[in-house]
Amino acid sequence: MYPLARPFLFTLDAERAHGLGLGALDLAWRTGTTPLLAGRVEALPTKLLGLEFPNPVGLAAGLDKNGEHIDALFALGFGFVEIGTITPRPQAGNPKPRMFRLPQHLAIINRMGFNNAGVDALVKNVGHSRHRKGPLGINIGKNKDTPNEEALSDYLHCMERVYPLADYITVNISSPNTAGLRELQEEQALRRLVAGLREAQERLAGVHGRRVPMLVKIAPDLNENDIDAAARVLAELDVDGVIATNTTINRDGVESHPHATQAGGLSGAPLMPQSTFVLRRLRARLPERIPLVGVGGIQSGADAVAKMAAGASLVQCYSGLIYRGPALVGECVEAIRRRREAPSPGAVAPL
């Protein structure tokens, strides 16, 4: 059904289509017609981070910022769903228009700016969810008017509020749409922030009697030295996992498009090589105990397999869902299944 609806949605402003699409997913879930949109996704159990994932294909943060559509999104067959980015206080985000499609490139540029209703609203919405079919990740950030020197307090506030509800928490320090946020990836700033959050994580584990994994989401625009420095800090502080990557400010491959000069983060197919490079370099420099989640540019099952080959244990998609529709989820799961079941190189077939 999605291929029939997509031409209509693409005639609308991208952000308006986003809202209508989520509303349609909610309606399909309530009426039991989601299988007509997504088909059946067969299980491919995956154990990671001390969690059980029905399959290793998840939804990246950004689609459902306030946790208002959790049940409908799980019904599409995702093995896990990540909501947010959420901030301590509500904020409107950047002025509209702030989302632009580049259909010729299977890409999107957005400068949403952490528009969200605030962490208290998200907590209430998550409490209303009753049909989660896999782990729920909650992505946290800082308010745009909070100086970087005080950023830890914003992240701590969000962590404390969502800790009882989250299956894992993602620390977003890599969006290009909040001024100065990416400076938190600089080695010393990263060390201060993550150290403070790791201390809080262990304290909250004692309070709640359960340890919620904490992952850090990084940008694709780091140079090799910065990637290596980030890996060194994250390994020393023993984070539970890393998500690679967020959107890019790079415009390689889309320079000729009328929207190429729009400010914001580019996602979709053009991001695939850059994000996969960062993923592969991180895998080579992080200890095996720290798993990676590959996101950025997945438009097909083959792309999902490429992320796995580069070192990912789980993958996420977002822009690919906009262009391909819910069928992308099952396609990625089946491609990863075939990779798992393929004979290892040098294996001897039974007589």
C-alpha atoms as a PDB file:
ATOM      1  CA  MET A   1       0.000   0.000   0.000  1.00  0.00           C
ATOM      2  CA  TYR A   2       2.813   2.444   0.728  1.00  0.00           C
ATOM      3  CA  PRO A   3       3.913   2.726  -2.931  1.00  0.00           C
ATOM      4  CA  LEU A   4       0.374   3.945  -3.665  1.00  0.00           C
ATOM      5  CA  ALA A   5       0.400   6.496  -0.846  1.00  0.00           C
ATOM      6  CA  ARG A   6       3.908   7.825  -1.365  1.00  0.00           C
ATOM      7  CA  PRO A   7       3.189   9.999  -4.459  1.00  0.00           C
ATOM      8  CA  PHE A   8       0.463  11.814  -2.527  1.00  0.00           C
ATOM      9  CA  LEU A   9       2.632  12.285   0.563  1.00  0.00           C
ATOM     10  CA  PHE A  10       5.474  13.616  -1.578  1.00  0.00           C
ATOM     11  CA  THR A  11       3.223  16.397  -2.909  1.00  0.00           C
ATOM     12  CA  LEU A  12       3.022  17.770   0.633  1.00  0.00           C
ATOM     13  CA  ASP A  13       5.550  19.674   2.687  1.00  0.00           C
ATOM     14  CA  ALA A  14       7.892  17.073   4.146  1.00  0.00           C
ATOM     15  CA  GLU A  15       7.119  17.873   7.777  1.00  0.00           C
ATOM     16  CA  ARG A  16       3.364  17.853   7.176  1.00  0.00           C
ATOM     17  CA  ALA A  17       3.660  14.513   5.385  1.00  0.00           C
ATOM     18  CA  HIS A  18       5.647  13.239   8.371  1.00  0.00           C
ATOM     19  CA  GLY A  19       2.751  14.044  10.696  1.00  0.00           C
ATOM     20  CA  LEU A  20       0.128  12.573   8.389  1.00  0.00           C
ATOM     21  CA  GLY A  21       2.169   9.424   7.934  1.00  0.00           C
ATOM     22  CA  LEU A  22       2.429   8.860  11.673  1.00  0.00           C
ATOM     23  CA  GLY A  23      -1.300   9.470  12.027  1.00  0.00           C
ATOM     24  CA  ALA A  24      -1.969   6.874   9.329  1.00  0.00           C
ATOM     25  CA  LEU A  25       0.255   4.358  11.122  1.00  0.00           C
ATOM     26  CA  ASP A  26      -1.698   4.898  14.339  1.00  0.00           C
ATOM     27  CA  LEU A  27      -4.984   4.370  12.496  1.00  0.00           C
ATOM     28  CA  ALA A  28      -3.696   1.201  10.847  1.00  0.00           C
ATOM     29  CA  TRP A  29      -2.559  -0.142  14.212  1.00  0.00           C
ATOM     30  CA  ARG A  30      -5.870   0.618  15.922  1.00  0.00           C
ATOM     31  CA  THR A  31      -7.857  -0.998  13.109  1.00  0.00           C
ATOM     32  CA  GLY A  32      -5.604  -4.031  12.777  1.00  0.00           C
ATOM     33  CA  THR A  33      -4.656  -3.237   9.196  1.00  0.00           C
ATOM     34  CA  THR A  34      -0.895  -2.726   9.736  1.00  0.00           C
ATOM     35  CA  PRO A  35      -0.112  -6.077   8.006  1.00  0.00           C
ATOM     36  CA  LEU A  36      -1.460  -4.544   4.784  1.00  0.00           C
ATOM     37  CA  LEU A  37       1.263  -1.887   5.068  1.00  0.00           C
ATOM     38  CA  ALA A  38       4.206  -3.895   6.287  1.00  0.00           C
ATOM     39  CA  GLY A  39       3.582  -7.588   5.745  1.00  0.00           C
ATOM     40  CA  ARG A  40       4.861 -10.161   8.192  1.00  0.00           C
ATOM     41  CA  VAL A  41       8.402  -9.860   9.542  1.00  0.00           C
ATOM     42  CA  GLU A  42       9.786 -13.214  10.661  1.00  0.00           C
ATOM     43  CA  ALA A  43      11.688 -13.352  13.928  1.00  0.00           C
ATOM     44  CA  LEU A  44      15.470 -13.293  13.933  1.00  0.00           C
ATOM     45  CA  PRO A  45      16.316 -13.278  17.662  1.00  0.00           C
ATOM     46  CA  THR A  46      19.377 -11.290  18.650  1.00  0.00           C
ATOM     47  CA  LYS A  47      20.889 -10.966  22.122  1.00  0.00           C
ATOM     48  CA  LEU A  48      22.863  -7.827  22.854  1.00  0.00           C
ATOM     49  CA  LEU A  49      23.349  -5.346  25.691  1.00  0.00           C
ATOM     50  CA  GLY A  50      21.723  -7.852  28.024  1.00  0.00           C
ATOM     51  CA  LEU A  51      18.510  -7.492  25.990  1.00  0.00           C
ATOM     52  CA  GLU A  52      16.478  -9.784  23.755  1.00  0.00           C
ATOM     53  CA  PHE A  53      15.757  -8.282  20.320  1.00  0.00           C
ATOM     54  CA  PRO A  54      13.103 -10.023  18.152  1.00  0.00           C
ATOM     55  CA  ASN A  55      15.262  -9.029  15.189  1.00  0.00           C
ATOM     56  CA  PRO A  56      18.310  -6.769  14.718  1.00  0.00           C
ATOM     57  CA  VAL A  57      16.573  -4.054  12.620  1.00  0.00           C
ATOM     58  CA  GLY A  58      15.422  -0.980  14.516  1.00  0.00           C
ATOM     59  CA  LEU A  59      13.965   2.455  13.999  1.00  0.00           C
ATOM     60  CA  ALA A  60      16.378   5.343  14.513  1.00  0.00           C
ATOM     61  CA  ALA A  61      15.532   8.293  16.735  1.00  0.00           C
ATOM     62  CA  GLY A  62      13.863  11.307  15.168  1.00  0.00           C
ATOM     63  CA  LEU A  63      10.717   9.840  13.673  1.00  0.00           C
ATOM     64  CA  ASP A  64       8.820   9.756  16.973  1.00  0.00           C
ATOM     65  CA  LYS A  65      10.370  12.462  19.106  1.00  0.00           C
ATOM     66  CA  ASN A  66       7.795  12.413  21.906  1.00  0.00           C
ATOM     67  CA  GLY A  67       7.002   8.701  22.109  1.00  0.00           C
ATOM     68  CA  GLU A  68       3.464   9.182  20.818  1.00  0.00           C
ATOM     69  CA  HIS A  69       3.447   6.313  18.293  1.00  0.00           C
ATOM     70  CA  ILE A  70       5.395   3.509  19.976  1.00  0.00           C
ATOM     71  CA  ASP A  71       2.862   0.703  19.574  1.00  0.00           C
ATOM     72  CA  ALA A  72       2.134   1.550  15.931  1.00  0.00           C
ATOM     73  CA  LEU A  73       5.840   1.612  15.086  1.00  0.00           C
ATOM     74  CA  PHE A  74       6.546  -1.737  16.730  1.00  0.00           C
ATOM     75  CA  ALA A  75       3.658  -3.177  14.716  1.00  0.00           C
ATOM     76  CA  LEU A  76       5.684  -2.529  11.530  1.00  0.00           C
ATOM     77  CA  GLY A  77       8.020  -5.354  12.567  1.00  0.00           C
ATOM     78  CA  PHE A  78      10.944  -3.415  14.039  1.00  0.00           C
ATOM     79  CA  GLY A  79      13.043  -5.405  16.478  1.00  0.00           C
ATOM     80  CA  PHE A  80      13.521  -2.253  18.543  1.00  0.00           C
ATOM     81  CA  VAL A  81      12.374   1.360  18.429  1.00  0.00           C
ATOM     82  CA  GLU A  82      14.285   4.450  19.554  1.00  0.00           C
ATOM     83  CA  ILE A  83      12.317   7.580  20.414  1.00  0.00           C
ATOM     84  CA  GLY A  84      13.476  11.178  20.979  1.00  0.00           C
ATOM     85  CA  THR A  85      15.671  13.188  20.934  1.00  0.00           C
ATOM     86  CA  ILE A  86      14.120  14.577  24.101  1.00  0.00           C
ATOM     87  CA  THR A  87      15.284  17.580  26.149  1.00  0.00           C
ATOM     88  CA  PRO A  88      14.540  18.611  29.738  1.00  0.00           C
ATOM     89  CA  ARG A  89      12.251  21.467  28.722  1.00  0.00           C
ATOM     90  CA  PRO A  90       9.936  21.669  25.699  1.00  0.00           C
ATOM     91  CA  GLN A  91      11.342  23.545  22.732  1.00  0.00           C
ATOM     92  CA  ALA A  92       9.904  24.500  19.361  1.00  0.00           C
ATOM     93  CA  GLY A  93      13.017  23.763  17.325  1.00  0.00           C
ATOM     94  CA  ASN A  94      14.144  25.772  14.336  1.00  0.00           C
ATOM     95  CA  PRO A  95      11.838  27.895  12.144  1.00  0.00           C
ATOM     96  CA  LYS A  96       9.899  26.141   9.368  1.00  0.00           C
ATOM     97  CA  PRO A  97      10.404  24.963   6.698  1.00  0.00           C
ATOM     98  CA  ARG A  98      13.082  22.716   8.183  1.00  0.00           C
ATOM     99  CA  MET A  99      12.823  19.404   6.337  1.00  0.00           C
ATOM    100  CA  PHE A 100      13.542  18.901   2.628  1.00  0.00           C
ATOM    101  CA  ARG A 101      13.402  15.851   0.371  1.00  0.00           C
ATOM    102  CA  LEU A 102      15.965  15.143  -2.338  1.00  0.00           C
ATOM    103  CA  PRO A 103      14.140  12.299  -4.122  1.00  0.00           C
ATOM    104  CA  GLN A 104      16.680  11.912  -6.938  1.00  0.00           C
ATOM    105  CA  HIS A 105      19.244  11.058  -4.274  1.00  0.00           C
ATOM    106  CA  LEU A 106      16.982   9.134  -1.851  1.00  0.00           C
ATOM    107  CA  ALA A 107      17.977  11.724   0.715  1.00  0.00           C
ATOM    108  CA  ILE A 108      16.545  14.166   3.246  1.00  0.00           C
ATOM    109  CA  ILE A 109      17.961  17.358   4.757  1.00  0.00           C
ATOM    110  CA  ASN A 110      16.560  18.410   8.110  1.00  0.00           C
ATOM    111  CA  ARG A 111      17.298  21.114  10.623  1.00  0.00           C
ATOM    112  CA  MET A 112      14.526  20.303  13.080  1.00  0.00           C
ATOM    113  CA  GLY A 113      16.547  21.424  16.101  1.00  0.00           C
ATOM    114  CA  PHE A 114      15.382  18.987  18.792  1.00  0.00           C
ATOM    115  CA  ASN A 115      11.754  20.094  18.556  1.00  0.00           C
ATOM    116  CA  ASN A 116       9.973  18.170  21.301  1.00  0.00           C
ATOM    117  CA  ALA A 117       7.437  18.475  24.098  1.00  0.00           C
ATOM    118  CA  GLY A 118       9.962  17.940  26.889  1.00  0.00           C
ATOM    119  CA  VAL A 119      10.947  14.898  28.879  1.00  0.00           C
ATOM    120  CA  ASP A 120       7.897  14.922  31.166  1.00  0.00           C
ATOM    121  CA  ALA A 121       5.567  14.609  28.170  1.00  0.00           C
ATOM    122  CA  LEU A 122       7.613  11.729  26.765  1.00  0.00           C
ATOM    123  CA  VAL A 123       7.540   9.911  30.104  1.00  0.00           C
ATOM    124  CA  LYS A 124       3.754  10.192  30.158  1.00  0.00           C
ATOM    125  CA  ASN A 125       3.467   8.909  26.580  1.00  0.00           C
ATOM    126  CA  VAL A 126       5.732   5.928  27.218  1.00  0.00           C
ATOM    127  CA  GLY A 127       3.585   5.061  30.215  1.00  0.00           C
ATOM    128  CA  HIS A 128       0.568   4.789  27.899  1.00  0.00           C
ATOM    129  CA  SER A 129       2.305   2.301  25.588  1.00  0.00           C
ATOM    130  CA  ARG A 130       1.025  -1.221  26.183  1.00  0.00           C
ATOM    131  CA  HIS A 131       2.169  -3.237  23.177  1.00  0.00           C
ATOM    132  CA  ARG A 132       5.948  -2.950  22.956  1.00  0.00           C
ATOM    133  CA  LYS A 133       7.262  -5.964  21.083  1.00  0.00           C
ATOM    134  CA  GLY A 134      10.949  -5.338  21.636  1.00  0.00           C
ATOM    135  CA  PRO A 135      13.395  -3.043  23.446  1.00  0.00           C
ATOM    136  CA  LEU A 136      12.625   0.667  23.596  1.00  0.00           C
ATOM    137  CA  GLY A 137      15.501   3.120  23.360  1.00  0.00           C
ATOM    138  CA  ILE A 138      15.175   6.706  24.534  1.00  0.00           C
ATOM    139  CA  ASN A 139      17.462   9.310  22.984  1.00  0.00           C
ATOM    140  CA  ILE A 140      18.369  12.274  25.216  1.00  0.00           C
ATOM    141  CA  GLY A 141      19.847  15.695  24.497  1.00  0.00           C
ATOM    142  CA  LYS A 142      20.240  19.185  25.892  1.00  0.00           C
ATOM    143  CA  ASN A 143      18.145  22.306  25.427  1.00  0.00           C
ATOM    144  CA  LYS A 144      19.581  24.685  22.859  1.00  0.00           C
ATOM    145  CA  ASP A 145      19.915  27.532  25.382  1.00  0.00           C
ATOM    146  CA  THR A 146      21.904  25.406  27.841  1.00  0.00           C
ATOM    147  CA  PRO A 147      25.624  26.250  27.528  1.00  0.00           C
ATOM    148  CA  ASN A 148      27.912  23.322  26.819  1.00  0.00           C
ATOM    149  CA  GLU A 149      29.580  23.918  30.181  1.00  0.00           C
ATOM    150  CA  GLU A 150      26.250  23.014  31.795  1.00  0.00           C
ATOM    151  CA  ALA A 151      25.201  20.322  29.315  1.00  0.00           C
ATOM    152  CA  LEU A 152      25.789  17.483  31.761  1.00  0.00           C
ATOM    153  CA  SER A 153      22.967  18.737  33.976  1.00  0.00           C
ATOM    154  CA  ASP A 154      20.496  18.514  31.068  1.00  0.00           C
ATOM    155  CA  TYR A 155      21.583  14.992  30.139  1.00  0.00           C
ATOM    156  CA  LEU A 156      21.459  13.907  33.792  1.00  0.00           C
ATOM    157  CA  HIS A 157      17.939  15.302  34.195  1.00  0.00           C
ATOM    158  CA  CYS A 158      16.717  13.392  31.157  1.00  0.00           C
ATOM    159  CA  MET A 159      18.525  10.205  32.164  1.00  0.00           C
ATOM    160  CA  GLU A 160      17.002  10.229  35.632  1.00  0.00           C
ATOM    161  CA  ARG A 161      13.483  10.777  34.259  1.00  0.00           C
ATOM    162  CA  VAL A 162      13.585   8.104  31.547  1.00  0.00           C
ATOM    163  CA  TYR A 163      15.703   5.502  33.340  1.00  0.00           C
ATOM    164  CA  PRO A 164      12.777   3.512  34.795  1.00  0.00           C
ATOM    165  CA  LEU A 165      11.085   3.281  31.369  1.00  0.00           C
ATOM    166  CA  ALA A 166      13.933   2.766  28.920  1.00  0.00           C
ATOM    167  CA  ASP A 167      15.479  -0.517  27.815  1.00  0.00           C
ATOM    168  CA  TYR A 168      18.503   1.503  26.711  1.00  0.00           C
ATOM    169  CA  ILE A 169      19.398   5.197  26.681  1.00  0.00           C
ATOM    170  CA  THR A 170      21.193   6.984  23.842  1.00  0.00           C
ATOM    171  CA  VAL A 171      23.246  10.123  24.495  1.00  0.00           C
ATOM    172  CA  ASN A 172      22.952  12.371  21.450  1.00  0.00           C
ATOM    173  CA  ILE A 173      25.976  14.650  21.112  1.00  0.00           C
ATOM    174  CA  SER A 174      26.070  14.579  17.321  1.00  0.00           C
ATOM    175  CA  SER A 175      23.097  16.426  15.847  1.00  0.00           C
ATOM    176  CA  PRO A 176      24.256  19.245  13.578  1.00  0.00           C
ATOM    177  CA  ASN A 177      21.064  21.222  14.265  1.00  0.00           C
ATOM    178  CA  THR A 178      21.762  22.485  17.790  1.00  0.00           C
ATOM    179  CA  ALA A 179      24.500  25.109  17.779  1.00  0.00           C
ATOM    180  CA  GLY A 180      27.673  23.901  19.455  1.00  0.00           C
ATOM    181  CA  LEU A 181      26.360  20.432  20.313  1.00  0.00           C
ATOM    182  CA  ARG A 182      28.991  18.586  18.309  1.00  0.00           C
ATOM    183  CA  GLU A 183      31.705  20.307  20.317  1.00  0.00           C
ATOM    184  CA  LEU A 184      30.801  17.830  23.063  1.00  0.00           C
ATOM    185  CA  GLN A 185      32.529  15.166  20.934  1.00  0.00           C
ATOM    186  CA  GLU A 186      35.907  16.856  21.467  1.00  0.00           C
ATOM    187  CA  GLU A 187      38.055  14.534  23.556  1.00  0.00           C
ATOM    188  CA  GLN A 188      38.103  16.346  26.887  1.00  0.00           C
ATOM    189  CA  ALA A 189      34.488  17.512  26.683  1.00  0.00           C
ATOM    190  CA  LEU A 190      33.448  13.991  25.757  1.00  0.00           C
ATOM    191  CA  ARG A 191      35.367  12.563  28.705  1.00  0.00           C
ATOM    192  CA  ARG A 192      33.716  14.947  31.191  1.00  0.00           C
ATOM    193  CA  LEU A 193      30.213  14.369  29.860  1.00  0.00           C
ATOM    194  CA  VAL A 194      30.358  10.595  29.541  1.00  0.00           C
ATOM    195  CA  ALA A 195      32.140  10.155  32.872  1.00  0.00           C
ATOM    196  CA  GLY A 196      29.373  12.081  34.615  1.00  0.00           C
ATOM    197  CA  LEU A 197      26.686  10.044  32.885  1.00  0.00           C
ATOM    198  CA  ARG A 198      28.425   6.739  33.605  1.00  0.00           C
ATOM    199  CA  GLU A 199      28.542   7.623  37.295  1.00  0.00           C
ATOM    200  CA  ALA A 200      24.829   8.435  37.236  1.00  0.00           C
ATOM    201  CA  GLN A 201      24.074   5.245  35.323  1.00  0.00           C
ATOM    202  CA  GLU A 202      25.655   3.089  38.016  1.00  0.00           C
ATOM    203  CA  ARG A 203      23.912   5.028  40.781  1.00  0.00           C
ATOM    204  CA  LEU A 204      20.529   4.666  39.079  1.00  0.00           C
ATOM    205  CA  ALA A 205      21.124   0.958  38.571  1.00  0.00           C
ATOM    206  CA  GLY A 206      21.369   0.590  42.339  1.00  0.00           C
ATOM    207  CA  VAL A 207      18.289   2.710  42.954  1.00  0.00           C
ATOM    208  CA  HIS A 208      16.089   0.878  40.438  1.00  0.00           C
ATOM    209  CA  GLY A 209      17.545  -2.606  40.740  1.00  0.00           C
ATOM    210  CA  ARG A 210      18.264  -2.867  37.019  1.00  0.00           C
ATOM    211  CA  ARG A 211      21.081  -1.654  34.826  1.00  0.00           C
ATOM    212  CA  VAL A 212      19.942   0.211  31.730  1.00  0.00           C
ATOM    213  CA  PRO A 213      22.578   0.250  28.944  1.00  0.00           C
ATOM    214  CA  MET A 214      23.866   3.646  27.813  1.00  0.00           C
ATOM    215  CA  LEU A 215      24.956   4.204  24.203  1.00  0.00           C
ATOM    216  CA  VAL A 216      26.604   7.257  22.654  1.00  0.00           C
ATOM    217  CA  LYS A 217      25.605   8.472  19.175  1.00  0.00           C
ATOM    218  CA  ILE A 218      28.372  10.138  17.180  1.00  0.00           C
ATOM    219  CA  ALA A 219      28.622  12.173  13.995  1.00  0.00           C
ATOM    220  CA  PRO A 220      29.850  10.988  10.587  1.00  0.00           C
ATOM    221  CA  ASP A 221      31.889  14.168  10.082  1.00  0.00           C
ATOM    222  CA  LEU A 222      34.702  13.390  12.509  1.00  0.00           C
ATOM    223  CA  ASN A 223      38.157  13.088  11.002  1.00  0.00           C
ATOM    224  CA  GLU A 224      40.220   9.957  11.595  1.00  0.00           C
ATOM    225  CA  ASN A 225      42.073  11.402  14.582  1.00  0.00           C
ATOM    226  CA  ASP A 226      38.798  12.481  16.189  1.00  0.00           C
ATOM    227  CA  ILE A 227      37.254   9.053  15.625  1.00  0.00           C
ATOM    228  CA  ASP A 228      40.257   7.446  17.263  1.00  0.00           C
ATOM    229  CA  ALA A 229      40.112   9.855  20.204  1.00  0.00           C
ATOM    230  CA  ALA A 230      36.388   9.233  20.684  1.00  0.00           C
ATOM    231  CA  ALA A 231      36.962   5.481  20.594  1.00  0.00           C
ATOM    232  CA  ARG A 232      39.714   5.805  23.182  1.00  0.00           C
ATOM    233  CA  VAL A 233      37.487   7.786  25.577  1.00  0.00           C
ATOM    234  CA  LEU A 234      34.444   5.560  25.121  1.00  0.00           C
ATOM    235  CA  ALA A 235      36.525   2.432  25.704  1.00  0.00           C
ATOM    236  CA  GLU A 236      38.195   3.873  28.815  1.00  0.00           C
ATOM    237  CA  LEU A 237      34.815   4.836  30.268  1.00  0.00           C
ATOM    238  CA  ASP A 238      33.354   1.469  29.278  1.00  0.00           C
ATOM    239  CA  VAL A 239      30.174   2.657  27.600  1.00  0.00           C
ATOM    240  CA  ASP A 240      27.707  -0.066  26.684  1.00  0.00           C
ATOM    241  CA  GLY A 241      27.586   0.711  22.967  1.00  0.00           C
ATOM    242  CA  VAL A 242      28.035   3.279  20.202  1.00  0.00           C
ATOM    243  CA  ILE A 243      25.603   4.325  17.473  1.00  0.00           C
ATOM    244  CA  ALA A 244      27.290   5.317  14.220  1.00  0.00           C
ATOM    245  CA  THR A 245      26.176   7.680  12.868  1.00  0.00           C
ATOM    246  CA  ASN A 246      23.989  10.772  12.941  1.00  0.00           C
ATOM    247  CA  THR A 247      23.346  12.946   9.868  1.00  0.00           C
ATOM    248  CA  THR A 248      26.086  14.787   7.972  1.00  0.00           C
ATOM    249  CA  ILE A 249      26.779  18.394   7.042  1.00  0.00           C
ATOM    250  CA  ASN A 250      28.650  17.079   3.992  1.00  0.00           C
ATOM    251  CA  ARG A 251      26.946  17.543   0.617  1.00  0.00           C
ATOM    252  CA  ASP A 252      29.080  15.226  -1.513  1.00  0.00           C
ATOM    253  CA  GLY A 253      27.002  13.723  -4.274  1.00  0.00           C
ATOM    254  CA  VAL A 254      24.035  16.087  -3.958  1.00  0.00           C
ATOM    255  CA  GLU A 255      25.708  19.400  -4.778  1.00  0.00           C
ATOM    256  CA  SER A 256      23.570  19.989  -7.869  1.00  0.00           C
ATOM    257  CA  HIS A 257      20.248  19.623  -6.091  1.00  0.00           C
ATOM    258  CA  PRO A 258      18.306  22.869  -5.397  1.00  0.00           C
ATOM    259  CA  HIS A 259      18.081  21.973  -1.708  1.00  0.00           C
ATOM    260  CA  ALA A 260      21.788  21.207  -1.334  1.00  0.00           C
ATOM    261  CA  THR A 261      22.447  24.665   0.126  1.00  0.00           C
ATOM    262  CA  GLN A 262      19.848  24.222   2.860  1.00  0.00           C
ATOM    263  CA  ALA A 263      21.394  24.128   6.325  1.00  0.00           C
ATOM    264  CA  GLY A 264      20.935  20.940   8.311  1.00  0.00           C
ATOM    265  CA  GLY A 265      21.875  17.302   8.461  1.00  0.00           C
ATOM    266  CA  LEU A 266      21.782  15.140   5.345  1.00  0.00           C
ATOM    267  CA  SER A 267      20.484  11.595   5.700  1.00  0.00           C
ATOM    268  CA  GLY A 268      19.628   8.855   3.255  1.00  0.00           C
ATOM    269  CA  ALA A 269      21.594   7.085   0.555  1.00  0.00           C
ATOM    270  CA  PRO A 270      24.425   9.666   0.179  1.00  0.00           C
ATOM    271  CA  LEU A 271      25.314   9.158   3.859  1.00  0.00           C
ATOM    272  CA  MET A 272      25.950   5.426   3.461  1.00  0.00           C
ATOM    273  CA  PRO A 273      29.681   5.485   2.535  1.00  0.00           C
ATOM    274  CA  GLN A 274      30.637   8.106   5.111  1.00  0.00           C
ATOM    275  CA  SER A 275      28.716   6.584   8.024  1.00  0.00           C
ATOM    276  CA  THR A 276      29.957   3.091   7.176  1.00  0.00           C
ATOM    277  CA  PHE A 277      33.552   4.310   7.137  1.00  0.00           C
ATOM    278  CA  VAL A 278      33.135   5.684  10.662  1.00  0.00           C
ATOM    279  CA  LEU A 279      31.466   2.458  11.747  1.00  0.00           C
ATOM    280  CA  ARG A 280      34.304   0.328  10.357  1.00  0.00           C
ATOM    281  CA  ARG A 281      37.001   2.499  11.941  1.00  0.00           C
ATOM    282  CA  LEU A 282      35.268   2.416  15.311  1.00  0.00           C
ATOM    283  CA  ARG A 283      34.976  -1.357  15.153  1.00  0.00           C
ATOM    284  CA  ALA A 284      38.709  -1.614  14.542  1.00  0.00           C
ATOM    285  CA  ARG A 285      39.488   0.591  17.543  1.00  0.00           C
ATOM    286  CA  LEU A 286      36.909  -0.361  20.144  1.00  0.00           C
ATOM    287  CA  PRO A 287      37.102  -3.547  22.210  1.00  0.00           C
ATOM    288  CA  GLU A 288      34.705  -6.277  21.148  1.00  0.00           C
ATOM    289  CA  ARG A 289      32.768  -5.903  24.398  1.00  0.00           C
ATOM    290  CA  ILE A 290      31.393  -2.579  23.089  1.00  0.00           C
ATOM    291  CA  PRO A 291      28.863  -3.303  20.319  1.00  0.00           C
ATOM    292  CA  LEU A 292      28.036  -0.932  17.481  1.00  0.00           C
ATOM    293  CA  VAL A 293      24.707   0.038  15.980  1.00  0.00           C
ATOM    294  CA  GLY A 294      24.969   0.937  12.290  1.00  0.00           C
ATOM    295  CA  VAL A 295      22.708   3.669  10.945  1.00  0.00           C
ATOM    296  CA  GLY A 296      22.943   6.013   7.998  1.00  0.00           C
ATOM    297  CA  GLY A 297      21.950   5.384   4.399  1.00  0.00           C
ATOM    298  CA  ILE A 298      20.201   2.017   4.625  1.00  0.00           C
ATOM    299  CA  GLN A 299      17.861   1.751   1.638  1.00  0.00           C
ATOM    300  CA  SER A 300      17.908  -2.009   1.075  1.00  0.00           C
ATOM    301  CA  GLY A 301      18.680  -5.341   2.643  1.00  0.00           C
ATOM    302  CA  ALA A 302      22.100  -5.231   1.005  1.00  0.00           C
ATOM    303  CA  ASP A 303      22.832  -1.950   2.802  1.00  0.00           C
ATOM    304  CA  ALA A 304      21.897  -3.512   6.133  1.00  0.00           C
ATOM    305  CA  VAL A 305      24.247  -6.415   5.444  1.00  0.00           C
ATOM    306  CA  ALA A 306      27.010  -3.950   4.552  1.00  0.00           C
ATOM    307  CA  LYS A 307      26.629  -2.329   7.979  1.00  0.00           C
ATOM    308  CA  MET A 308      26.886  -5.753   9.600  1.00  0.00           C
ATOM    309  CA  ALA A 309      29.992  -6.539   7.549  1.00  0.00           C
ATOM    310  CA  ALA A 310      31.534  -3.256   8.747  1.00  0.00           C
ATOM    311  CA  GLY A 311      31.071  -4.263  12.369  1.00  0.00           C
ATOM    312  CA  ALA A 312      27.497  -3.498  13.411  1.00  0.00           C
ATOM    313  CA  SER A 313      25.586  -5.882  15.661  1.00  0.00           C
ATOM    314  CA  LEU A 314      22.298  -4.028  15.142  1.00  0.00           C
ATOM    315  CA  VAL A 315      21.123  -1.621  12.446  1.00  0.00           C
ATOM    316  CA  GLN A 316      18.643   1.237  12.336  1.00  0.00           C
ATOM    317  CA  CYS A 317      16.827   3.013   9.523  1.00  0.00           C
ATOM    318  CA  TYR A 318      14.788   6.172   9.152  1.00  0.00           C
ATOM    319  CA  SER A 319      15.124   7.935   5.790  1.00  0.00           C
ATOM    320  CA  GLY A 320      14.958   4.594   3.997  1.00  0.00           C
ATOM    321  CA  LEU A 321      11.557   4.089   5.581  1.00  0.00           C
ATOM    322  CA  ILE A 322      10.383   7.337   3.982  1.00  0.00           C
ATOM    323  CA  TYR A 323      11.481   6.255   0.496  1.00  0.00           C
ATOM    324  CA  ARG A 324      10.931   2.507   0.653  1.00  0.00           C
ATOM    325  CA  GLY A 325       8.110   2.207   3.162  1.00  0.00           C
ATOM    326  CA  PRO A 326       7.605  -0.462   5.849  1.00  0.00           C
ATOM    327  CA  ALA A 327       8.589  -3.286   3.487  1.00  0.00           C
ATOM    328  CA  LEU A 328      12.204  -2.209   4.084  1.00  0.00           C
ATOM    329  CA  VAL A 329      12.100  -3.680   7.589  1.00  0.00           C
ATOM    330  CA  GLY A 330      11.361  -7.240   6.462  1.00  0.00           C
ATOM    331  CA  GLU A 331      13.799  -6.966   3.567  1.00  0.00           C
ATOM    332  CA  CYS A 332      16.623  -6.019   5.927  1.00  0.00           C
ATOM    333  CA  VAL A 333      15.755  -8.789   8.381  1.00  0.00           C
ATOM    334  CA  GLU A 334      15.763 -11.413   5.622  1.00  0.00           C
ATOM    335  CA  ALA A 335      19.045 -10.163   4.181  1.00  0.00           C
ATOM    336  CA  ILE A 336      20.684 -10.366   7.598  1.00  0.00           C
ATOM    337  CA  ARG A 337      19.203 -13.841   8.094  1.00  0.00           C
ATOM    338  CA  ARG A 338      20.764 -15.039   4.841  1.00  0.00           C
ATOM    339  CA  ARG A 339      24.105 -13.612   5.942  1.00  0.00           C
ATOM    340  CA  ARG A 340      23.905 -15.451   9.251  1.00  0.00           C
ATOM    341  CA  GLU A 341      22.968 -18.719   7.599  1.00  0.00           C
ATOM    342  CA  ALA A 342      25.578 -18.537   4.835  1.00  0.00           C
ATOM    343  CA  PRO A 343      28.429 -21.042   5.242  1.00  0.00           C
ATOM    344  CA  SER A 344      31.518 -19.461   6.715  1.00  0.00           C
ATOM    345  CA  PRO A 345      34.501 -19.185   4.342  1.00  0.00           C
ATOM    346  CA  GLY A 346      36.449 -22.425   4.279  1.00  0.00           C
ATOM    347  CA  ALA A 347      33.639 -24.457   5.801  1.00  0.00           C
ATOM    348  CA  VAL A 348      33.449 -28.060   4.579  1.00  0.00           C
ATOM    349  CA  ALA A 349      30.011 -29.199   3.426  1.00  0.00           C
ATOM    350  CA  PRO A 350      28.776 -32.430   5.059  1.00  0.00           C
ATOM    351  CA  LEU A 351      29.073 -35.628   2.961  1.00  0.00           C
END
